[in-house]
Structure formats: C-alpha cells, structure tokens
Amino acid sequence: MPKKLTRASLARGVRALCEVDEDLARVARAYGVPPLWEREEGFPTLVLTILEQQVSLASALAAFERLRAAASPVTPESFLAFDDARLRAFGFSRQKALYCRLLARAILGGELDLKRLSLSSDDEARAELVKLKGIGAWTAEVYLLRALLRPDAWPSGDLALQLAAREVKRLPARPTSLELEALAEPWRPLRAVAARLLWLQYLEGRGDAVRL
C-alpha cells in the first residue's frame, strides 16, 4: 500500500480485506467501497477533531462553522484573536478552547510542524501530536486516518467503530479500546480501510443523516 490512501488504493485495500475477513466482505457486498472521508491537513482540521472529542459530530461541526464564519480563514493567528466569551458563543467548552489555544501556540512557536508531520512515519506523527495537551490517542489517530490518509491508522477508542465492530463481528458486548486493538490485528496494514468499512456499516445501519 502507498503511504497515503487514494480512492484507487482504498478499493484495492477493500478487496484485500474481503479475501481475509468474511465479515468485512459482507459489509462491502452490502454497501460497496466506503468514501475516503478525507480532510485537509492543517490547523482547521485539528481544531474540528478536538471539537469532536466526546460530542456528536453535528454539534462539533456547528461550533466549527461558527468559528469559520467569524475567522475566515481559520488560522492559529485568527483563532488566538478570540477571547473566552467569543469562543463560548461559538460552542467551545472552556477546556476545548484551551486545547485549541495551546495547539495554535505550538504551531506558531515551531513546537509542532504540520508540514513535517505529513512526511513523518505513523509512529513519529502520533508521538508529535500526543505531546500536546488535549490531543490524545483518538484525536491523533483520526488525524492520521482522515487528514494524512495513512492506511493503517486505527482509532480504537472511537465509539462508532466499537459499535460497528460489535454488530459486524456479532460480539456479546461493545468491545473496549484494547479489545478492538486485538480484534484489528489481522487487518494490518490496512486497519484504516477496515475503519472506513466499519464506519460505513455504522452509518448505513443507523440510517443516520449525519455524515463523517
């Protein structure tokens, strides 16, 4: 697999997984090849991903869109111009406002180089991201998966993945993050492809209007 997923390599990855896992093959037969669900690399995507921590995608996106309408464009400099009251009005909690401020300052101060991050290995990119307060394993993995398009990124703490894995694998209970890590071992080095198949199952199975 290439370092970055493309639509063509995603389709090849789906075919490869279908050969080794009948449960994932069943998802692919039902719904086809999932979208890439890609996001642009950079500060705005990290802000949106921080907003998505432990809240609905719809509420996170609403807060981000209010920020984007006021900032236009969303940059570290424009973000730091907003005070706490303005960020609360956009929908940022006090904690998430702090996390995004720390991120903005890290980028401006050279502590985090997002261009270099895109050239780093998966392990190096994860390590750089989780150095920052407010960016944990889930946020780092989602950035690797959706912005850097890494083929083997795996956000095992993702609730939708856990729920979909329970359904697809017919498990007695929703797997924990550690259990999902173990379950995904046979899917290496294509875990990000498997994640997209599971997200597709989750969304289609719920008939949810919210899209990733």
N, C-alpha and C. Protein backbone atom coordinates (compact mmCIF):
# COMPACT_ATOMS: atom_id res chain seq x y z
N MET A 1 0.84 -1.20 0.00
CA MET A 1 0.00 0.00 0.00
C MET A 1 0.88 1.26 0.00
N PRO A 2 0.41 2.33 -0.65
CA PRO A 2 1.15 3.60 -0.61
C PRO A 2 1.07 4.22 0.78
N LYS A 3 1.92 5.25 0.98
CA LYS A 3 1.91 5.92 2.28
C LYS A 3 0.60 6.63 2.54
N LYS A 4 -0.05 7.14 1.47
CA LYS A 4 -1.33 7.82 1.60
C LYS A 4 -2.38 7.06 0.80
N LEU A 5 -3.53 6.86 1.41
CA LEU A 5 -4.63 6.24 0.69
C LEU A 5 -5.16 7.17 -0.40
N THR A 6 -5.54 6.57 -1.50
CA THR A 6 -6.28 7.25 -2.56
C THR A 6 -7.57 6.45 -2.78
N ARG A 7 -8.45 6.95 -3.60
CA ARG A 7 -9.66 6.19 -3.88
C ARG A 7 -9.33 4.84 -4.51
N ALA A 8 -8.31 4.83 -5.38
CA ALA A 8 -7.94 3.57 -6.04
C ALA A 8 -7.33 2.59 -5.04
N SER A 9 -6.42 3.07 -4.19
CA SER A 9 -5.79 2.16 -3.24
C SER A 9 -6.76 1.74 -2.14
N LEU A 10 -7.74 2.60 -1.83
CA LEU A 10 -8.78 2.21 -0.88
C LEU A 10 -9.57 1.03 -1.44
N ALA A 11 -9.95 1.10 -2.71
CA ALA A 11 -10.69 0.00 -3.33
C ALA A 11 -9.86 -1.28 -3.34
N ARG A 12 -8.57 -1.16 -3.62
CA ARG A 12 -7.70 -2.36 -3.58
C ARG A 12 -7.63 -2.90 -2.16
N GLY A 13 -7.55 -2.00 -1.19
CA GLY A 13 -7.49 -2.43 0.20
C GLY A 13 -8.76 -3.15 0.63
N VAL A 14 -9.92 -2.66 0.17
CA VAL A 14 -11.18 -3.32 0.48
C VAL A 14 -11.18 -4.74 -0.09
N ARG A 15 -10.72 -4.88 -1.32
CA ARG A 15 -10.68 -6.22 -1.92
C ARG A 15 -9.75 -7.15 -1.14
N ALA A 16 -8.62 -6.62 -0.69
CA ALA A 16 -7.67 -7.43 0.06
C ALA A 16 -8.27 -7.87 1.40
N LEU A 17 -8.94 -6.98 2.09
CA LEU A 17 -9.57 -7.33 3.36
C LEU A 17 -10.70 -8.34 3.17
N CYS A 18 -11.44 -8.19 2.09
CA CYS A 18 -12.54 -9.12 1.83
C CYS A 18 -12.04 -10.54 1.64
N GLU A 19 -10.80 -10.69 1.19
CA GLU A 19 -10.24 -12.02 0.99
C GLU A 19 -9.88 -12.70 2.30
N VAL A 20 -9.66 -11.91 3.35
CA VAL A 20 -9.21 -12.49 4.62
C VAL A 20 -10.26 -12.40 5.72
N ASP A 21 -11.33 -11.64 5.50
CA ASP A 21 -12.33 -11.46 6.55
C ASP A 21 -13.73 -11.44 5.93
N GLU A 22 -14.47 -12.50 6.14
CA GLU A 22 -15.80 -12.62 5.55
C GLU A 22 -16.77 -11.60 6.12
N ASP A 23 -16.59 -11.21 7.37
CA ASP A 23 -17.49 -10.22 7.96
C ASP A 23 -17.34 -8.87 7.27
N LEU A 24 -16.10 -8.45 7.02
CA LEU A 24 -15.89 -7.20 6.28
C LEU A 24 -16.35 -7.35 4.84
N ALA A 25 -16.18 -8.53 4.28
CA ALA A 25 -16.65 -8.77 2.91
C ALA A 25 -18.16 -8.59 2.82
N ARG A 26 -18.87 -8.99 3.85
CA ARG A 26 -20.32 -8.84 3.88
C ARG A 26 -20.71 -7.36 3.87
N VAL A 27 -19.96 -6.54 4.61
CA VAL A 27 -20.21 -5.10 4.60
C VAL A 27 -19.98 -4.52 3.21
N ALA A 28 -18.87 -4.93 2.59
CA ALA A 28 -18.55 -4.42 1.25
C ALA A 28 -19.58 -4.85 0.23
N ARG A 29 -20.07 -6.07 0.33
CA ARG A 29 -21.10 -6.52 -0.61
C ARG A 29 -22.39 -5.73 -0.43
N ALA A 30 -22.70 -5.37 0.80
CA ALA A 30 -23.94 -4.64 1.07
C ALA A 30 -23.87 -3.18 0.65
N TYR A 31 -22.72 -2.54 0.88
CA TYR A 31 -22.65 -1.09 0.72
C TYR A 31 -21.58 -0.60 -0.25
N GLY A 32 -20.73 -1.49 -0.74
CA GLY A 32 -19.69 -1.08 -1.67
C GLY A 32 -18.45 -0.54 -0.98
N VAL A 33 -17.62 0.11 -1.76
CA VAL A 33 -16.38 0.71 -1.24
C VAL A 33 -16.74 1.98 -0.48
N PRO A 34 -16.27 2.16 0.74
CA PRO A 34 -16.61 3.36 1.51
C PRO A 34 -15.93 4.60 0.95
N PRO A 35 -16.41 5.77 1.33
CA PRO A 35 -15.72 7.01 0.95
C PRO A 35 -14.36 7.11 1.64
N LEU A 36 -13.51 7.96 1.09
CA LEU A 36 -12.25 8.25 1.78
C LEU A 36 -12.48 9.05 3.05
N TRP A 37 -13.54 9.86 3.06
CA TRP A 37 -13.81 10.77 4.17
C TRP A 37 -12.57 11.58 4.53
N GLU A 38 -11.91 12.11 3.50
CA GLU A 38 -10.68 12.84 3.72
C GLU A 38 -10.96 14.26 4.22
N ARG A 39 -9.99 14.80 4.93
CA ARG A 39 -10.00 16.19 5.37
C ARG A 39 -8.65 16.80 5.01
N GLU A 40 -8.64 18.11 4.83
CA GLU A 40 -7.39 18.79 4.53
C GLU A 40 -6.45 18.73 5.74
N GLU A 41 -5.16 18.61 5.44
CA GLU A 41 -4.18 18.67 6.51
C GLU A 41 -4.13 20.09 7.07
N GLY A 42 -3.85 20.22 8.37
CA GLY A 42 -3.61 21.54 8.91
C GLY A 42 -4.38 21.87 10.17
N PHE A 43 -4.20 23.08 10.62
CA PHE A 43 -4.77 23.56 11.88
C PHE A 43 -6.30 23.45 11.93
N PRO A 44 -7.04 23.88 10.88
CA PRO A 44 -8.50 23.81 10.99
C PRO A 44 -9.01 22.39 11.25
N THR A 45 -8.43 21.40 10.60
CA THR A 45 -8.87 20.02 10.80
C THR A 45 -8.57 19.54 12.22
N LEU A 46 -7.45 19.94 12.76
CA LEU A 46 -7.15 19.56 14.15
C LEU A 46 -8.13 20.23 15.11
N VAL A 47 -8.48 21.47 14.85
CA VAL A 47 -9.48 22.14 15.70
C VAL A 47 -10.81 21.40 15.63
N LEU A 48 -11.25 21.06 14.44
CA LEU A 48 -12.51 20.33 14.29
C LEU A 48 -12.45 18.99 15.01
N THR A 49 -11.33 18.30 14.90
CA THR A 49 -11.21 16.99 15.54
C THR A 49 -11.22 17.12 17.06
N ILE A 50 -10.60 18.15 17.59
CA ILE A 50 -10.67 18.41 19.03
C ILE A 50 -12.12 18.68 19.44
N LEU A 51 -12.83 19.45 18.64
CA LEU A 51 -14.24 19.72 18.94
C LEU A 51 -15.07 18.44 18.96
N GLU A 52 -14.69 17.47 18.17
CA GLU A 52 -15.45 16.22 18.06
C GLU A 52 -15.22 15.26 19.23
N GLN A 53 -14.27 15.58 20.07
CA GLN A 53 -14.00 14.69 21.21
C GLN A 53 -15.22 14.58 22.10
N GLN A 54 -15.77 13.37 22.19
CA GLN A 54 -16.84 13.03 23.15
C GLN A 54 -18.12 13.85 22.98
N VAL A 55 -18.37 14.35 21.77
CA VAL A 55 -19.65 15.01 21.48
C VAL A 55 -20.13 14.53 20.12
N SER A 56 -21.34 14.87 19.76
CA SER A 56 -21.86 14.47 18.46
C SER A 56 -21.13 15.22 17.34
N LEU A 57 -21.06 14.57 16.19
CA LEU A 57 -20.43 15.20 15.04
C LEU A 57 -21.19 16.47 14.65
N ALA A 58 -22.50 16.44 14.78
CA ALA A 58 -23.30 17.60 14.38
C ALA A 58 -23.01 18.82 15.25
N SER A 59 -22.91 18.64 16.56
CA SER A 59 -22.65 19.79 17.43
C SER A 59 -21.23 20.30 17.25
N ALA A 60 -20.29 19.39 17.02
CA ALA A 60 -18.91 19.82 16.78
C ALA A 60 -18.82 20.63 15.49
N LEU A 61 -19.48 20.15 14.46
CA LEU A 61 -19.44 20.85 13.17
C LEU A 61 -20.11 22.22 13.27
N ALA A 62 -21.20 22.30 14.03
CA ALA A 62 -21.89 23.59 14.20
C ALA A 62 -20.97 24.62 14.86
N ALA A 63 -20.25 24.20 15.89
CA ALA A 63 -19.31 25.11 16.56
C ALA A 63 -18.19 25.52 15.61
N PHE A 64 -17.68 24.57 14.85
CA PHE A 64 -16.60 24.87 13.92
C PHE A 64 -17.07 25.84 12.83
N GLU A 65 -18.28 25.64 12.33
CA GLU A 65 -18.78 26.53 11.28
C GLU A 65 -18.97 27.96 11.79
N ARG A 66 -19.38 28.10 13.05
CA ARG A 66 -19.49 29.46 13.63
C ARG A 66 -18.11 30.09 13.73
N LEU A 67 -17.11 29.29 14.13
CA LEU A 67 -15.73 29.80 14.16
C LEU A 67 -15.28 30.21 12.77
N ARG A 68 -15.53 29.34 11.81
CA ARG A 68 -15.05 29.62 10.46
C ARG A 68 -15.71 30.86 9.87
N ALA A 69 -16.98 31.05 10.16
CA ALA A 69 -17.67 32.24 9.66
C ALA A 69 -17.08 33.53 10.23
N ALA A 70 -16.60 33.47 11.47
CA ALA A 70 -16.05 34.66 12.12
C ALA A 70 -14.58 34.86 11.80
N ALA A 71 -13.84 33.75 11.62
CA ALA A 71 -12.39 33.85 11.44
C ALA A 71 -12.02 34.05 9.97
N SER A 72 -12.44 33.17 9.14
CA SER A 72 -12.32 33.25 7.68
C SER A 72 -10.99 33.84 7.18
N PRO A 73 -9.89 33.10 7.10
CA PRO A 73 -9.81 31.66 7.34
C PRO A 73 -9.45 31.34 8.80
N VAL A 74 -9.59 30.06 9.14
CA VAL A 74 -9.20 29.60 10.47
C VAL A 74 -7.70 29.33 10.46
N THR A 75 -6.97 30.16 11.18
CA THR A 75 -5.51 30.01 11.30
C THR A 75 -5.16 30.11 12.77
N PRO A 76 -3.95 29.71 13.15
CA PRO A 76 -3.54 29.90 14.54
C PRO A 76 -3.67 31.36 14.98
N GLU A 77 -3.28 32.28 14.09
CA GLU A 77 -3.34 33.70 14.44
C GLU A 77 -4.78 34.17 14.63
N SER A 78 -5.66 33.80 13.71
CA SER A 78 -7.05 34.26 13.82
C SER A 78 -7.74 33.62 15.02
N PHE A 79 -7.39 32.38 15.34
CA PHE A 79 -8.00 31.73 16.49
C PHE A 79 -7.61 32.43 17.79
N LEU A 80 -6.34 32.78 17.91
CA LEU A 80 -5.86 33.41 19.15
C LEU A 80 -6.42 34.81 19.36
N ALA A 81 -7.03 35.37 18.33
CA ALA A 81 -7.63 36.70 18.48
C ALA A 81 -8.96 36.67 19.24
N PHE A 82 -9.55 35.49 19.41
CA PHE A 82 -10.85 35.38 20.09
C PHE A 82 -10.67 35.15 21.58
N ASP A 83 -11.45 35.86 22.37
CA ASP A 83 -11.39 35.66 23.82
C ASP A 83 -12.32 34.52 24.24
N ASP A 84 -12.32 34.20 25.52
CA ASP A 84 -13.11 33.08 26.02
C ASP A 84 -14.60 33.26 25.73
N ALA A 85 -15.11 34.45 25.92
CA ALA A 85 -16.53 34.69 25.72
C ALA A 85 -16.93 34.44 24.27
N ARG A 86 -16.10 34.88 23.34
CA ARG A 86 -16.42 34.68 21.92
C ARG A 86 -16.37 33.20 21.57
N LEU A 87 -15.38 32.48 22.09
CA LEU A 87 -15.28 31.06 21.80
C LEU A 87 -16.45 30.28 22.41
N ARG A 88 -16.88 30.69 23.60
CA ARG A 88 -18.06 30.05 24.20
C ARG A 88 -19.29 30.27 23.33
N ALA A 89 -19.39 31.45 22.76
CA ALA A 89 -20.52 31.74 21.89
C ALA A 89 -20.50 30.87 20.63
N PHE A 90 -19.31 30.53 20.18
CA PHE A 90 -19.20 29.62 19.03
C PHE A 90 -19.61 28.20 19.40
N GLY A 91 -19.45 27.84 20.69
CA GLY A 91 -19.77 26.48 21.12
C GLY A 91 -18.59 25.72 21.68
N PHE A 92 -17.47 26.42 21.93
CA PHE A 92 -16.30 25.78 22.53
C PHE A 92 -16.47 25.72 24.04
N SER A 93 -16.22 24.56 24.63
CA SER A 93 -16.11 24.49 26.08
C SER A 93 -14.83 25.19 26.51
N ARG A 94 -14.74 25.52 27.78
CA ARG A 94 -13.53 26.16 28.28
C ARG A 94 -12.31 25.27 28.03
N GLN A 95 -12.49 23.96 28.22
CA GLN A 95 -11.38 23.03 28.05
C GLN A 95 -10.94 22.96 26.59
N LYS A 96 -11.89 22.87 25.68
CA LYS A 96 -11.52 22.76 24.26
C LYS A 96 -10.96 24.07 23.73
N ALA A 97 -11.42 25.19 24.25
CA ALA A 97 -10.81 26.47 23.88
C ALA A 97 -9.34 26.48 24.29
N LEU A 98 -9.05 25.97 25.50
CA LEU A 98 -7.67 25.90 25.96
C LEU A 98 -6.84 24.99 25.07
N TYR A 99 -7.37 23.82 24.74
CA TYR A 99 -6.63 22.88 23.90
C TYR A 99 -6.29 23.49 22.55
N CYS A 100 -7.25 24.19 21.96
CA CYS A 100 -7.01 24.78 20.64
C CYS A 100 -6.04 25.96 20.72
N ARG A 101 -6.09 26.70 21.83
CA ARG A 101 -5.11 27.77 22.01
C ARG A 101 -3.70 27.20 22.14
N LEU A 102 -3.56 26.13 22.91
CA LEU A 102 -2.25 25.51 23.05
C LEU A 102 -1.75 24.98 21.73
N LEU A 103 -2.65 24.41 20.94
CA LEU A 103 -2.28 23.94 19.60
C LEU A 103 -1.82 25.09 18.73
N ALA A 104 -2.57 26.19 18.73
CA ALA A 104 -2.20 27.35 17.91
C ALA A 104 -0.83 27.89 18.32
N ARG A 105 -0.59 27.98 19.62
CA ARG A 105 0.70 28.49 20.09
C ARG A 105 1.84 27.54 19.74
N ALA A 106 1.57 26.23 19.79
CA ALA A 106 2.61 25.25 19.44
C ALA A 106 2.99 25.35 17.97
N ILE A 107 2.01 25.60 17.12
CA ILE A 107 2.30 25.75 15.69
C ILE A 107 3.07 27.04 15.44
N LEU A 108 2.62 28.14 16.03
CA LEU A 108 3.30 29.43 15.82
C LEU A 108 4.70 29.43 16.41
N GLY A 109 4.88 28.70 17.52
CA GLY A 109 6.19 28.66 18.16
C GLY A 109 7.13 27.62 17.59
N GLY A 110 6.66 26.85 16.61
CA GLY A 110 7.52 25.84 15.99
C GLY A 110 7.60 24.53 16.75
N GLU A 111 6.81 24.41 17.81
CA GLU A 111 6.82 23.15 18.57
C GLU A 111 6.19 22.02 17.76
N LEU A 112 5.20 22.36 16.94
CA LEU A 112 4.54 21.39 16.07
C LEU A 112 4.63 21.90 14.64
N ASP A 113 5.28 21.12 13.78
CA ASP A 113 5.43 21.46 12.37
C ASP A 113 4.52 20.53 11.57
N LEU A 114 3.39 21.05 11.13
CA LEU A 114 2.42 20.20 10.45
C LEU A 114 2.91 19.73 9.08
N LYS A 115 3.73 20.53 8.41
CA LYS A 115 4.28 20.08 7.12
C LYS A 115 5.23 18.91 7.33
N ARG A 116 6.05 19.00 8.35
CA ARG A 116 6.96 17.89 8.65
C ARG A 116 6.19 16.65 9.08
N LEU A 117 5.09 16.89 9.77
CA LEU A 117 4.26 15.78 10.24
C LEU A 117 3.79 14.91 9.08
N SER A 118 3.45 15.55 7.98
CA SER A 118 2.93 14.79 6.83
C SER A 118 4.00 13.90 6.20
N LEU A 119 5.27 14.20 6.48
CA LEU A 119 6.37 13.40 5.93
C LEU A 119 6.88 12.36 6.92
N SER A 120 6.36 12.40 8.14
CA SER A 120 6.84 11.51 9.20
C SER A 120 6.20 10.13 9.09
N SER A 121 6.81 9.16 9.75
CA SER A 121 6.20 7.85 9.86
C SER A 121 4.96 7.94 10.75
N ASP A 122 4.13 6.90 10.73
CA ASP A 122 2.94 6.89 11.58
C ASP A 122 3.32 7.08 13.04
N ASP A 123 4.30 6.33 13.50
CA ASP A 123 4.68 6.41 14.92
C ASP A 123 5.22 7.79 15.27
N GLU A 124 6.02 8.37 14.37
CA GLU A 124 6.56 9.70 14.63
C GLU A 124 5.44 10.75 14.67
N ALA A 125 4.50 10.64 13.74
CA ALA A 125 3.39 11.60 13.70
C ALA A 125 2.53 11.48 14.96
N ARG A 126 2.23 10.26 15.37
CA ARG A 126 1.45 10.07 16.61
C ARG A 126 2.17 10.71 17.79
N ALA A 127 3.46 10.43 17.90
CA ALA A 127 4.23 10.92 19.04
C ALA A 127 4.24 12.44 19.08
N GLU A 128 4.38 13.08 17.93
CA GLU A 128 4.40 14.53 17.89
C GLU A 128 3.05 15.12 18.31
N LEU A 129 1.98 14.51 17.86
CA LEU A 129 0.66 15.04 18.16
C LEU A 129 0.30 14.88 19.63
N VAL A 130 0.56 13.71 20.20
CA VAL A 130 0.12 13.48 21.58
C VAL A 130 1.01 14.18 22.60
N LYS A 131 2.07 14.82 22.17
CA LYS A 131 2.85 15.66 23.09
C LYS A 131 2.02 16.84 23.59
N LEU A 132 1.04 17.24 22.78
CA LEU A 132 0.27 18.44 23.10
C LEU A 132 -0.90 18.11 24.01
N LYS A 133 -1.09 18.93 25.02
CA LYS A 133 -2.23 18.77 25.92
C LYS A 133 -3.51 18.90 25.12
N GLY A 134 -4.42 17.94 25.33
CA GLY A 134 -5.70 17.97 24.63
C GLY A 134 -5.74 17.13 23.37
N ILE A 135 -4.58 16.63 22.95
CA ILE A 135 -4.55 15.73 21.80
C ILE A 135 -4.12 14.36 22.31
N GLY A 136 -5.08 13.47 22.43
CA GLY A 136 -4.82 12.12 22.88
C GLY A 136 -4.77 11.16 21.72
N ALA A 137 -4.82 9.88 22.05
CA ALA A 137 -4.67 8.83 21.03
C ALA A 137 -5.77 8.91 19.97
N TRP A 138 -7.02 9.14 20.41
CA TRP A 138 -8.12 9.17 19.44
C TRP A 138 -7.94 10.31 18.45
N THR A 139 -7.67 11.50 18.95
CA THR A 139 -7.51 12.66 18.08
C THR A 139 -6.36 12.47 17.10
N ALA A 140 -5.25 11.95 17.61
CA ALA A 140 -4.09 11.72 16.74
C ALA A 140 -4.41 10.70 15.66
N GLU A 141 -5.06 9.61 16.02
CA GLU A 141 -5.37 8.56 15.04
C GLU A 141 -6.37 9.06 13.99
N VAL A 142 -7.35 9.82 14.41
CA VAL A 142 -8.32 10.35 13.44
C VAL A 142 -7.62 11.30 12.47
N TYR A 143 -6.68 12.10 12.97
CA TYR A 143 -5.94 12.99 12.07
C TYR A 143 -5.10 12.18 11.09
N LEU A 144 -4.43 11.15 11.58
CA LEU A 144 -3.67 10.30 10.68
C LEU A 144 -4.56 9.64 9.64
N LEU A 145 -5.74 9.21 10.07
CA LEU A 145 -6.63 8.47 9.19
C LEU A 145 -7.28 9.37 8.15
N ARG A 146 -7.78 10.54 8.56
CA ARG A 146 -8.59 11.36 7.68
C ARG A 146 -7.83 12.48 6.98
N ALA A 147 -6.82 13.04 7.63
CA ALA A 147 -6.06 14.14 7.01
C ALA A 147 -4.80 13.61 6.33
N LEU A 148 -4.03 12.79 7.04
CA LEU A 148 -2.81 12.25 6.46
C LEU A 148 -3.09 11.02 5.60
N LEU A 149 -4.30 10.45 5.72
CA LEU A 149 -4.74 9.31 4.90
C LEU A 149 -3.81 8.11 5.01
N ARG A 150 -3.36 7.85 6.25
CA ARG A 150 -2.47 6.72 6.46
C ARG A 150 -3.27 5.40 6.42
N PRO A 151 -2.79 4.39 5.70
CA PRO A 151 -3.56 3.15 5.51
C PRO A 151 -3.78 2.33 6.77
N ASP A 152 -2.92 2.50 7.79
CA ASP A 152 -3.03 1.63 8.96
C ASP A 152 -3.40 2.38 10.23
N ALA A 153 -3.85 3.62 10.13
CA ALA A 153 -4.30 4.34 11.32
C ALA A 153 -5.53 3.64 11.89
N TRP A 154 -5.65 3.65 13.21
CA TRP A 154 -6.71 2.86 13.83
C TRP A 154 -7.15 3.52 15.14
N PRO A 155 -8.20 4.33 15.13
CA PRO A 155 -8.69 4.98 16.35
C PRO A 155 -9.56 4.04 17.18
N SER A 156 -8.93 3.17 17.91
CA SER A 156 -9.65 2.10 18.61
C SER A 156 -10.58 2.61 19.70
N GLY A 157 -10.41 3.86 20.13
CA GLY A 157 -11.31 4.43 21.12
C GLY A 157 -12.56 5.03 20.53
N ASP A 158 -12.74 4.93 19.22
CA ASP A 158 -13.88 5.55 18.55
C ASP A 158 -15.15 4.76 18.83
N LEU A 159 -16.17 5.43 19.35
CA LEU A 159 -17.41 4.76 19.73
C LEU A 159 -18.10 4.12 18.53
N ALA A 160 -18.15 4.83 17.40
CA ALA A 160 -18.82 4.28 16.22
C ALA A 160 -18.12 3.01 15.74
N LEU A 161 -16.79 3.00 15.77
CA LEU A 161 -16.07 1.79 15.39
C LEU A 161 -16.39 0.64 16.33
N GLN A 162 -16.44 0.93 17.61
CA GLN A 162 -16.73 -0.12 18.59
C GLN A 162 -18.13 -0.70 18.39
N LEU A 163 -19.10 0.18 18.15
CA LEU A 163 -20.47 -0.28 17.94
C LEU A 163 -20.60 -1.08 16.65
N ALA A 164 -19.94 -0.60 15.60
CA ALA A 164 -20.00 -1.32 14.33
C ALA A 164 -19.29 -2.67 14.43
N ALA A 165 -18.16 -2.71 15.12
CA ALA A 165 -17.43 -3.97 15.27
C ALA A 165 -18.28 -4.99 16.03
N ARG A 166 -18.98 -4.52 17.04
CA ARG A 166 -19.86 -5.44 17.77
C ARG A 166 -20.90 -6.05 16.84
N GLU A 167 -21.48 -5.21 15.99
CA GLU A 167 -22.51 -5.69 15.08
C GLU A 167 -21.93 -6.62 14.01
N VAL A 168 -20.85 -6.18 13.38
CA VAL A 168 -20.27 -6.93 12.27
C VAL A 168 -19.70 -8.26 12.73
N LYS A 169 -19.06 -8.25 13.89
CA LYS A 169 -18.44 -9.47 14.41
C LYS A 169 -19.36 -10.26 15.34
N ARG A 170 -20.59 -9.75 15.53
CA ARG A 170 -21.59 -10.44 16.36
C ARG A 170 -21.03 -10.73 17.76
N LEU A 171 -20.51 -9.68 18.38
CA LEU A 171 -19.92 -9.80 19.71
C LEU A 171 -21.01 -9.65 20.77
N PRO A 172 -20.81 -10.23 21.95
CA PRO A 172 -21.83 -10.13 23.00
C PRO A 172 -21.93 -8.73 23.61
N ALA A 173 -20.87 -7.93 23.50
CA ALA A 173 -20.88 -6.59 24.08
C ALA A 173 -19.97 -5.69 23.25
N ARG A 174 -20.16 -4.39 23.41
CA ARG A 174 -19.28 -3.45 22.71
C ARG A 174 -17.84 -3.64 23.17
N PRO A 175 -16.91 -3.84 22.25
CA PRO A 175 -15.52 -4.06 22.66
C PRO A 175 -14.89 -2.80 23.25
N THR A 176 -13.99 -3.00 24.18
CA THR A 176 -13.21 -1.89 24.70
C THR A 176 -12.16 -1.49 23.66
N SER A 177 -11.48 -0.40 23.94
CA SER A 177 -10.42 0.04 23.04
C SER A 177 -9.35 -1.04 22.90
N LEU A 178 -8.95 -1.64 24.01
CA LEU A 178 -7.93 -2.70 23.95
C LEU A 178 -8.43 -3.92 23.19
N GLU A 179 -9.69 -4.27 23.41
CA GLU A 179 -10.26 -5.41 22.69
C GLU A 179 -10.35 -5.13 21.19
N LEU A 180 -10.65 -3.88 20.84
CA LEU A 180 -10.72 -3.53 19.43
C LEU A 180 -9.33 -3.53 18.79
N GLU A 181 -8.32 -3.15 19.56
CA GLU A 181 -6.95 -3.25 19.06
C GLU A 181 -6.62 -4.70 18.71
N ALA A 182 -6.96 -5.61 19.60
CA ALA A 182 -6.66 -7.03 19.36
C ALA A 182 -7.47 -7.56 18.18
N LEU A 183 -8.73 -7.18 18.11
CA LEU A 183 -9.58 -7.65 17.04
C LEU A 183 -9.06 -7.22 15.67
N ALA A 184 -8.43 -6.05 15.61
CA ALA A 184 -7.98 -5.48 14.34
C ALA A 184 -6.62 -5.98 13.89
N GLU A 185 -5.94 -6.77 14.71
CA GLU A 185 -4.60 -7.23 14.34
C GLU A 185 -4.56 -7.92 12.97
N PRO A 186 -5.53 -8.78 12.65
CA PRO A 186 -5.48 -9.44 11.33
C PRO A 186 -5.65 -8.48 10.16
N TRP A 187 -6.09 -7.25 10.42
CA TRP A 187 -6.33 -6.30 9.34
C TRP A 187 -5.11 -5.44 9.02
N ARG A 188 -4.05 -5.55 9.81
CA ARG A 188 -2.83 -4.81 9.49
C ARG A 188 -2.31 -5.26 8.12
N PRO A 189 -1.74 -4.37 7.32
CA PRO A 189 -1.53 -2.93 7.49
C PRO A 189 -2.63 -2.08 6.85
N LEU A 190 -3.86 -2.59 6.95
CA LEU A 190 -4.98 -1.91 6.29
C LEU A 190 -6.08 -1.56 7.29
N ARG A 191 -5.71 -1.26 8.52
CA ARG A 191 -6.74 -1.01 9.53
C ARG A 191 -7.57 0.24 9.22
N ALA A 192 -6.97 1.22 8.56
CA ALA A 192 -7.74 2.42 8.21
C ALA A 192 -8.77 2.11 7.14
N VAL A 193 -8.51 1.12 6.31
CA VAL A 193 -9.50 0.67 5.33
C VAL A 193 -10.63 -0.04 6.07
N ALA A 194 -10.27 -0.91 7.02
CA ALA A 194 -11.28 -1.58 7.83
C ALA A 194 -12.12 -0.57 8.61
N ALA A 195 -11.48 0.48 9.13
CA ALA A 195 -12.23 1.51 9.87
C ALA A 195 -13.29 2.15 8.99
N ARG A 196 -12.94 2.43 7.74
CA ARG A 196 -13.92 3.05 6.84
C ARG A 196 -15.08 2.10 6.54
N LEU A 197 -14.78 0.82 6.40
CA LEU A 197 -15.86 -0.15 6.21
C LEU A 197 -16.78 -0.20 7.44
N LEU A 198 -16.18 -0.17 8.61
CA LEU A 198 -16.98 -0.21 9.84
C LEU A 198 -17.79 1.07 10.01
N TRP A 199 -17.21 2.22 9.70
CA TRP A 199 -17.96 3.47 9.76
C TRP A 199 -19.14 3.44 8.78
N LEU A 200 -18.89 2.87 7.60
CA LEU A 200 -19.96 2.76 6.61
C LEU A 200 -21.09 1.89 7.15
N GLN A 201 -20.75 0.78 7.77
CA GLN A 201 -21.76 -0.08 8.38
C GLN A 201 -22.53 0.67 9.47
N TYR A 202 -21.82 1.41 10.28
CA TYR A 202 -22.45 2.16 11.37
C TYR A 202 -23.46 3.17 10.82
N LEU A 203 -23.05 3.94 9.83
CA LEU A 203 -23.92 4.98 9.28
C LEU A 203 -25.10 4.39 8.52
N GLU A 204 -24.84 3.41 7.70
CA GLU A 204 -25.92 2.80 6.91
C GLU A 204 -26.87 2.03 7.81
N GLY A 205 -26.32 1.37 8.82
CA GLY A 205 -27.16 0.60 9.71
C GLY A 205 -28.09 1.45 10.54
N ARG A 206 -27.67 2.67 10.84
CA ARG A 206 -28.49 3.59 11.62
C ARG A 206 -29.40 4.42 10.74
N GLY A 207 -29.07 4.48 9.44
CA GLY A 207 -29.80 5.39 8.58
C GLY A 207 -29.57 6.84 9.00
N ASP A 208 -28.39 7.12 9.54
CA ASP A 208 -28.10 8.44 10.11
C ASP A 208 -27.86 9.46 9.02
N ALA A 209 -28.48 10.61 9.17
CA ALA A 209 -28.28 11.68 8.18
C ALA A 209 -26.93 12.35 8.35
N VAL A 210 -26.32 12.22 9.53
CA VAL A 210 -25.01 12.84 9.75
C VAL A 210 -23.95 12.04 9.04
N ARG A 211 -23.14 12.70 8.25
CA ARG A 211 -22.08 12.02 7.52
C ARG A 211 -20.73 12.48 8.05
N LEU A 212 -19.77 11.61 7.97
CA LEU A 212 -18.45 11.88 8.55
C LEU A 212 -17.73 12.99 7.78
